C-alpha atoms as a PDB file:
ATOM      1  CA  UNK A   1      -8.516 -26.626  -1.307  1.00  0.00           C
ATOM      2  CA  UNK A   2      -8.168 -25.294   2.235  1.00  0.00           C
ATOM      3  CA  UNK A   3      -6.074 -22.122   2.404  1.00  0.00           C
ATOM      4  CA  UNK A   4      -4.801 -20.190   5.414  1.00  0.00           C
ATOM      5  CA  UNK A   5      -3.832 -16.510   5.493  1.00  0.00           C
ATOM      6  CA  UNK A   6      -1.326 -15.595   8.188  1.00  0.00           C
ATOM      7  CA  UNK A   7      -0.836 -11.846   8.312  1.00  0.00           C
ATOM      8  CA  UNK A   8       1.490  -9.794  10.441  1.00  0.00           C
ATOM      9  CA  UNK A   9       4.335  -7.348  10.428  1.00  0.00           C
ATOM     10  CA  UNK A  10       6.925 -10.173  10.647  1.00  0.00           C
ATOM     11  CA  UNK A  11       9.463  -7.680  11.950  1.00  0.00           C
ATOM     12  CA  UNK A  12      11.259 -10.101  11.784  1.00  0.00           C
ATOM     13  CA  UNK A  13       9.651 -13.505  11.236  1.00  0.00           C
ATOM     14  CA  UNK A  14      10.837 -16.105  13.786  1.00  0.00           C
ATOM     15  CA  UNK A  15      10.337 -19.714  14.838  1.00  0.00           C
ATOM     16  CA  UNK A  16       7.302 -18.831  16.959  1.00  0.00           C
ATOM     17  CA  UNK A  17       5.448 -17.661  13.836  1.00  0.00           C
ATOM     18  CA  UNK A  18       6.544 -20.665  11.804  1.00  0.00           C
ATOM     19  CA  UNK A  19       5.689 -23.313  14.368  1.00  0.00           C
ATOM     20  CA  UNK A  20       2.255 -21.815  15.123  1.00  0.00           C
ATOM     21  CA  UNK A  21       1.421 -21.810  11.410  1.00  0.00           C
ATOM     22  CA  UNK A  22       2.618 -25.395  11.017  1.00  0.00           C
ATOM     23  CA  UNK A  23       0.538 -26.658  13.933  1.00  0.00           C
ATOM     24  CA  UNK A  24      -2.609 -24.815  12.790  1.00  0.00           C
ATOM     25  CA  UNK A  25      -2.050 -26.124   9.244  1.00  0.00           C
ATOM     26  CA  UNK A  26      -1.819 -29.661  10.541  1.00  0.00           C
ATOM     27  CA  UNK A  27      -4.783 -29.385  12.935  1.00  0.00           C
ATOM     28  CA  UNK A  28      -7.128 -27.902  10.321  1.00  0.00           C
ATOM     29  CA  UNK A  29      -5.765 -29.873   7.344  1.00  0.00           C
ATOM     30  CA  UNK A  30      -4.814 -26.767   5.391  1.00  0.00           C
ATOM     31  CA  UNK A  31      -3.263 -27.316   1.966  1.00  0.00           C
ATOM     32  CA  UNK A  32      -1.479 -23.972   1.900  1.00  0.00           C
ATOM     33  CA  UNK A  33      -0.657 -21.167   4.318  1.00  0.00           C
ATOM     34  CA  UNK A  34       0.115 -17.763   2.812  1.00  0.00           C
ATOM     35  CA  UNK A  35       2.301 -15.576   5.031  1.00  0.00           C
ATOM     36  CA  UNK A  36       1.203 -12.007   4.305  1.00  0.00           C
ATOM     37  CA  UNK A  37       3.580  -9.290   5.552  1.00  0.00           C
ATOM     38  CA  UNK A  38       1.744  -6.019   6.122  1.00  0.00           C
ATOM     39  CA  UNK A  39       3.212  -3.049   4.285  1.00  0.00           C
ATOM     40  CA  UNK A  40       1.703  -0.532   6.700  1.00  0.00           C
ATOM     41  CA  UNK A  41      -0.076  -2.170   9.677  1.00  0.00           C
ATOM     42  CA  UNK A  42      -2.755   0.135  11.139  1.00  0.00           C
ATOM     43  CA  UNK A  43      -1.918  -0.858  14.738  1.00  0.00           C
ATOM     44  CA  UNK A  44       1.826  -0.160  14.532  1.00  0.00           C
ATOM     45  CA  UNK A  45       3.861   3.021  14.214  1.00  0.00           C
ATOM     46  CA  UNK A  46       5.757   3.303  10.938  1.00  0.00           C
ATOM     47  CA  UNK A  47       9.084   3.924  12.689  1.00  0.00           C
ATOM     48  CA  UNK A  48       8.991   0.490  14.349  1.00  0.00           C
ATOM     49  CA  UNK A  49       9.161  -1.420  11.076  1.00  0.00           C
ATOM     50  CA  UNK A  50      11.921  -2.491   8.748  1.00  0.00           C
ATOM     51  CA  UNK A  51      11.058  -1.609   5.111  1.00  0.00           C
ATOM     52  CA  UNK A  52       8.319  -3.835   3.727  1.00  0.00           C
ATOM     53  CA  UNK A  53      10.501  -5.265   0.974  1.00  0.00           C
ATOM     54  CA  UNK A  54      12.990  -6.520   3.574  1.00  0.00           C
ATOM     55  CA  UNK A  55      10.283  -8.102   5.714  1.00  0.00           C
ATOM     56  CA  UNK A  56       8.844  -9.817   2.644  1.00  0.00           C
ATOM     57  CA  UNK A  57      12.305 -11.094   1.678  1.00  0.00           C
ATOM     58  CA  UNK A  58      12.793 -12.526   5.179  1.00  0.00           C
ATOM     59  CA  UNK A  59       9.414 -14.283   4.994  1.00  0.00           C
ATOM     60  CA  UNK A  60      10.410 -15.810   1.661  1.00  0.00           C
ATOM     61  CA  UNK A  61      13.653 -17.098   3.145  1.00  0.00           C
ATOM     62  CA  UNK A  62      11.914 -18.483   6.247  1.00  0.00           C
ATOM     63  CA  UNK A  63       9.195 -20.351   4.330  1.00  0.00           C
ATOM     64  CA  UNK A  64      11.143 -21.665   1.339  1.00  0.00           C
ATOM     65  CA  UNK A  65      11.714 -25.140   2.793  1.00  0.00           C
ATOM     66  CA  UNK A  66       8.054 -25.956   3.419  1.00  0.00           C
ATOM     67  CA  UNK A  67       5.928 -26.878   0.397  1.00  0.00           C
ATOM     68  CA  UNK A  68       2.785 -25.900   2.326  1.00  0.00           C
ATOM     69  CA  UNK A  69       4.037 -22.362   3.050  1.00  0.00           C
ATOM     70  CA  UNK A  70       3.983 -19.454   0.600  1.00  0.00           C
ATOM     71  CA  UNK A  71       5.030 -15.813   0.942  1.00  0.00           C
ATOM     72  CA  UNK A  72       2.475 -13.318  -0.340  1.00  0.00           C
ATOM     73  CA  UNK A  73       3.295  -9.797  -1.538  1.00  0.00           C
ATOM     74  CA  UNK A  74      -0.337  -8.721  -1.868  1.00  0.00           C
ATOM     75  CA  UNK A  75      -0.203  -6.156   0.960  1.00  0.00           C
ATOM     76  CA  UNK A  76       3.286  -4.949   0.064  1.00  0.00           C
ATOM     77  CA  UNK A  77       2.076  -4.226  -3.494  1.00  0.00           C
ATOM     78  CA  UNK A  78      -1.075  -2.473  -2.280  1.00  0.00           C
ATOM     79  CA  UNK A  79      -0.713   1.205  -1.428  1.00  0.00           C
ATOM     80  CA  UNK A  80      -1.874   2.689   1.865  1.00  0.00           C
ATOM     81  CA  UNK A  81      -2.665   0.955   5.132  1.00  0.00           C
ATOM     82  CA  UNK A  82      -2.790  -2.856   5.183  1.00  0.00           C
ATOM     83  CA  UNK A  83      -6.239  -4.110   6.150  1.00  0.00           C
ATOM     84  CA  UNK A  84      -7.014  -7.809   6.509  1.00  0.00           C
ATOM     85  CA  UNK A  85     -10.513  -7.431   5.064  1.00  0.00           C
ATOM     86  CA  UNK A  86      -9.047  -6.189   1.772  1.00  0.00           C
ATOM     87  CA  UNK A  87      -6.660  -9.139   1.639  1.00  0.00           C
ATOM     88  CA  UNK A  88      -9.531 -11.547   2.282  1.00  0.00           C
ATOM     89  CA  UNK A  89     -11.542  -9.999  -0.565  1.00  0.00           C
ATOM     90  CA  UNK A  90      -8.515 -10.314  -2.851  1.00  0.00           C
ATOM     91  CA  UNK A  91      -8.015 -14.008  -2.138  1.00  0.00           C
ATOM     92  CA  UNK A  92     -11.713 -14.844  -2.367  1.00  0.00           C
ATOM     93  CA  UNK A  93     -11.732 -13.231  -5.810  1.00  0.00           C
ATOM     94  CA  UNK A  94      -8.533 -14.851  -7.080  1.00  0.00           C
ATOM     95  CA  UNK A  95      -8.249 -18.315  -5.511  1.00  0.00           C
ATOM     96  CA  UNK A  96      -9.094 -21.243  -7.730  1.00  0.00           C
ATOM     97  CA  UNK A  97     -12.503 -22.480  -6.661  1.00  0.00           C
ATOM     98  CA  UNK A  98     -13.674 -24.299  -4.691  1.00  0.00           C
ATOM     99  CA  UNK A  99     -11.478 -22.962  -1.881  1.00  0.00           C
ATOM    100  CA  UNK A 100     -12.120 -22.643   1.839  1.00  0.00           C
ATOM    101  CA  UNK A 101     -10.354 -19.692   3.423  1.00  0.00           C
ATOM    102  CA  UNK A 102      -9.027 -19.435   6.987  1.00  0.00           C
ATOM    103  CA  UNK A 103      -7.456 -16.394   8.627  1.00  0.00           C
ATOM    104  CA  UNK A 104      -4.852 -17.299  11.258  1.00  0.00           C
ATOM    105  CA  UNK A 105      -4.366 -15.010  14.247  1.00  0.00           C
ATOM    106  CA  UNK A 106      -3.244 -15.019  17.857  1.00  0.00           C
ATOM    107  CA  UNK A 107      -5.606 -14.868  20.827  1.00  0.00           C
ATOM    108  CA  UNK A 108      -4.582 -11.270  21.512  1.00  0.00           C
ATOM    109  CA  UNK A 109      -5.517 -10.289  17.958  1.00  0.00           C
ATOM    110  CA  UNK A 110      -8.890 -12.044  18.202  1.00  0.00           C
ATOM    111  CA  UNK A 111      -9.622 -10.194  21.439  1.00  0.00           C
ATOM    112  CA  UNK A 112      -9.098  -6.919  19.542  1.00  0.00           C
ATOM    113  CA  UNK A 113     -10.965  -7.942  16.391  1.00  0.00           C
ATOM    114  CA  UNK A 114     -13.662  -5.369  17.083  1.00  0.00           C
ATOM    115  CA  UNK A 115     -11.096  -2.614  16.380  1.00  0.00           C
ATOM    116  CA  UNK A 116     -10.227  -3.975  12.902  1.00  0.00           C
ATOM    117  CA  UNK A 117     -11.662  -2.560   9.693  1.00  0.00           C
ATOM    118  CA  UNK A 118     -15.098  -4.020   8.860  1.00  0.00           C
ATOM    119  CA  UNK A 119     -14.908  -6.850  11.434  1.00  0.00           C
ATOM    120  CA  UNK A 120     -18.529  -7.922  10.900  1.00  0.00           C
ATOM    121  CA  UNK A 121     -17.897  -8.467   7.208  1.00  0.00           C
ATOM    122  CA  UNK A 122     -14.655 -10.268   8.008  1.00  0.00           C
ATOM    123  CA  UNK A 123     -16.285 -12.943  10.189  1.00  0.00           C
ATOM    124  CA  UNK A 124     -18.983 -13.461   7.548  1.00  0.00           C
ATOM    125  CA  UNK A 125     -16.493 -13.948   4.703  1.00  0.00           C
ATOM    126  CA  UNK A 126     -13.910 -16.270   6.218  1.00  0.00           C
ATOM    127  CA  UNK A 127     -13.184 -18.918   8.813  1.00  0.00           C
ATOM    128  CA  UNK A 128     -10.930 -17.857  11.693  1.00  0.00           C
ATOM    129  CA  UNK A 129      -8.282 -20.002  13.348  1.00  0.00           C
ATOM    130  CA  UNK A 130      -6.922 -18.657  16.635  1.00  0.00           C
ATOM    131  CA  UNK A 131      -3.623 -20.127  17.794  1.00  0.00           C
ATOM    132  CA  UNK A 132      -3.284 -20.105  21.550  1.00  0.00           C
ATOM    133  CA  UNK A 133      -1.534 -21.880  24.405  1.00  0.00           C
ATOM    134  CA  UNK A 134      -4.290 -20.958  26.877  1.00  0.00           C
ATOM    135  CA  UNK A 135      -6.917 -23.500  25.857  1.00  0.00           C
ATOM    136  CA  UNK A 136      -7.535 -26.752  27.690  1.00  0.00           C
ATOM    137  CA  UNK A 137     -10.399 -29.198  27.946  1.00  0.00           C
ATOM    138  CA  UNK A 138     -11.766 -27.695  31.173  1.00  0.00           C
ATOM    139  CA  UNK A 139     -11.629 -23.994  30.356  1.00  0.00           C
ATOM    140  CA  UNK A 140     -12.447 -23.942  26.638  1.00  0.00           C
ATOM    141  CA  UNK A 141     -11.389 -20.859  24.675  1.00  0.00           C
ATOM    142  CA  UNK A 142      -9.316 -18.121  26.301  1.00  0.00           C
ATOM    143  CA  UNK A 143     -11.405 -15.969  28.624  1.00  0.00           C
ATOM    144  CA  UNK A 144     -10.290 -12.832  26.795  1.00  0.00           C
ATOM    145  CA  UNK A 145     -12.231 -14.084  23.784  1.00  0.00           C
ATOM    146  CA  UNK A 146     -15.605 -14.710  25.427  1.00  0.00           C
ATOM    147  CA  UNK A 147     -16.842 -11.165  24.729  1.00  0.00           C
ATOM    148  CA  UNK A 148     -15.781 -11.486  21.101  1.00  0.00           C
ATOM    149  CA  UNK A 149     -17.676 -14.780  20.750  1.00  0.00           C
ATOM    150  CA  UNK A 150     -20.872 -13.042  21.800  1.00  0.00           C
ATOM    151  CA  UNK A 151     -20.142  -9.842  19.870  1.00  0.00           C
ATOM    152  CA  UNK A 152     -19.736 -11.642  16.539  1.00  0.00           C
ATOM    153  CA  UNK A 153     -22.563 -14.118  16.947  1.00  0.00           C
ATOM    154  CA  UNK A 154     -20.608 -17.341  17.334  1.00  0.00           C
ATOM    155  CA  UNK A 155     -22.285 -20.392  18.846  1.00  0.00           C
ATOM    156  CA  UNK A 156     -20.551 -23.578  19.935  1.00  0.00           C
ATOM    157  CA  UNK A 157     -20.651 -26.658  17.736  1.00  0.00           C
ATOM    158  CA  UNK A 158     -18.590 -29.622  18.945  1.00  0.00           C
ATOM    159  CA  UNK A 159     -14.929 -28.548  19.078  1.00  0.00           C
ATOM    160  CA  UNK A 160     -15.382 -25.239  17.244  1.00  0.00           C
ATOM    161  CA  UNK A 161     -17.780 -22.309  16.853  1.00  0.00           C
ATOM    162  CA  UNK A 162     -20.073 -21.334  14.007  1.00  0.00           C
ATOM    163  CA  UNK A 163     -21.075 -17.844  12.909  1.00  0.00           C
ATOM    164  CA  UNK A 164     -24.562 -17.155  11.546  1.00  0.00           C
ATOM    165  CA  UNK A 165     -23.054 -17.002   8.040  1.00  0.00           C
ATOM    166  CA  UNK A 166     -21.786 -20.576   8.411  1.00  0.00           C
ATOM    167  CA  UNK A 167     -18.132 -19.554   8.780  1.00  0.00           C
ATOM    168  CA  UNK A 168     -16.274 -21.195  11.643  1.00  0.00           C
ATOM    169  CA  UNK A 169     -14.029 -20.157  14.510  1.00  0.00           C
ATOM    170  CA  UNK A 170     -11.471 -22.648  15.824  1.00  0.00           C
ATOM    171  CA  UNK A 171      -9.063 -22.369  18.753  1.00  0.00           C
ATOM    172  CA  UNK A 172      -5.905 -24.388  18.123  1.00  0.00           C
ATOM    173  CA  UNK A 173      -3.557 -24.969  21.035  1.00  0.00           C
ATOM    174  CA  UNK A 174       0.004 -24.574  19.764  1.00  0.00           C
ATOM    175  CA  UNK A 175       3.465 -24.999  21.246  1.00  0.00           C
ATOM    176  CA  UNK A 176       4.533 -21.892  23.111  1.00  0.00           C
ATOM    177  CA  UNK A 177       7.822 -20.377  21.995  1.00  0.00           C
ATOM    178  CA  UNK A 178       9.014 -17.627  24.366  1.00  0.00           C
ATOM    179  CA  UNK A 179      10.240 -15.569  21.425  1.00  0.00           C
ATOM    180  CA  UNK A 180       9.096 -12.150  20.269  1.00  0.00           C
ATOM    181  CA  UNK A 181      10.147  -9.935  17.391  1.00  0.00           C
ATOM    182  CA  UNK A 182      10.565  -7.097  19.897  1.00  0.00           C
ATOM    183  CA  UNK A 183      13.023  -9.164  21.921  1.00  0.00           C
ATOM    184  CA  UNK A 184      14.963 -10.069  18.760  1.00  0.00           C
ATOM    185  CA  UNK A 185      15.256  -6.410  17.776  1.00  0.00           C
ATOM    186  CA  UNK A 186      16.373  -5.480  21.286  1.00  0.00           C
ATOM    187  CA  UNK A 187      19.042  -8.181  21.253  1.00  0.00           C
ATOM    188  CA  UNK A 188      20.353  -6.821  17.966  1.00  0.00           C
ATOM    189  CA  UNK A 189      20.464  -3.307  19.370  1.00  0.00           C
ATOM    190  CA  UNK A 190      22.455  -4.608  22.341  1.00  0.00           C
ATOM    191  CA  UNK A 191      24.838  -6.498  20.054  1.00  0.00           C
ATOM    192  CA  UNK A 192      23.669  -9.900  21.318  1.00  0.00           C
ATOM    193  CA  UNK A 193      23.284 -13.111  19.324  1.00  0.00           C
ATOM    194  CA  UNK A 194      19.920 -13.954  17.734  1.00  0.00           C
ATOM    195  CA  UNK A 195      21.036 -17.355  16.465  1.00  0.00           C
ATOM    196  CA  UNK A 196      18.457 -20.154  16.908  1.00  0.00           C
ATOM    197  CA  UNK A 197      15.579 -17.714  17.504  1.00  0.00           C
ATOM    198  CA  UNK A 198      14.833 -17.560  13.779  1.00  0.00           C
ATOM    199  CA  UNK A 199      16.025 -19.372  10.651  1.00  0.00           C
ATOM    200  CA  UNK A 200      19.697 -19.020   9.851  1.00  0.00           C
ATOM    201  CA  UNK A 201      19.005 -17.546   6.413  1.00  0.00           C
ATOM    202  CA  UNK A 202      16.972 -14.798   8.065  1.00  0.00           C
ATOM    203  CA  UNK A 203      19.749 -14.106  10.585  1.00  0.00           C
ATOM    204  CA  UNK A 204      22.195 -13.775   7.684  1.00  0.00           C
ATOM    205  CA  UNK A 205      19.815 -11.452   5.819  1.00  0.00           C
ATOM    206  CA  UNK A 206      19.394  -9.166   8.838  1.00  0.00           C
ATOM    207  CA  UNK A 207      23.136  -8.931   9.306  1.00  0.00           C
ATOM    208  CA  UNK A 208      23.856  -8.440   5.609  1.00  0.00           C
ATOM    209  CA  UNK A 209      21.393  -5.538   5.351  1.00  0.00           C
ATOM    210  CA  UNK A 210      22.128  -4.109   8.813  1.00  0.00           C
ATOM    211  CA  UNK A 211      18.440  -4.196   9.807  1.00  0.00           C
ATOM    212  CA  UNK A 212      17.336  -3.050  13.254  1.00  0.00           C
END
């Protein structure tokens, strides 16, 4: 089984998140993608976030129609800061074997991977799939990622990269959606419509609970 982990604050989840995950799933032939809302992301201020239980509920609503998508409460249940390395260890210990694990992230996150907790262990334990709209046949991976390729010991192999541990790094070009969670929150604060930026069930949930 090939399993993807897609972490984030999902504050709120929107069509950009969902489409990127779907295209990476299809490109890498993933059987399942777990959306993992962070309870307390280390790179975000606490005041910016809706309560974790609400963000998890919105992820469940957004993913319920796709049999390949699952909402995970592993970081919401875990106390303290939410670190990806701990989530990776959890899934490696609990997934039915044999399972191949992929962590999905954006190009901006990959460029900052060096600031994450235990990044060297992370690249040795799991495959990484970077969704980006910057890649093309002439330029290869995004230029912001070149330093990270060297830093973590990746070497090119056909259409992907391989770490010394044997784990892979893939850049998957995905459809660009000019949507951001920040923009959605700002629209709500201005009293503007957020219809068609995220699933209707999530819009209803936000309005029902007066989030943001």
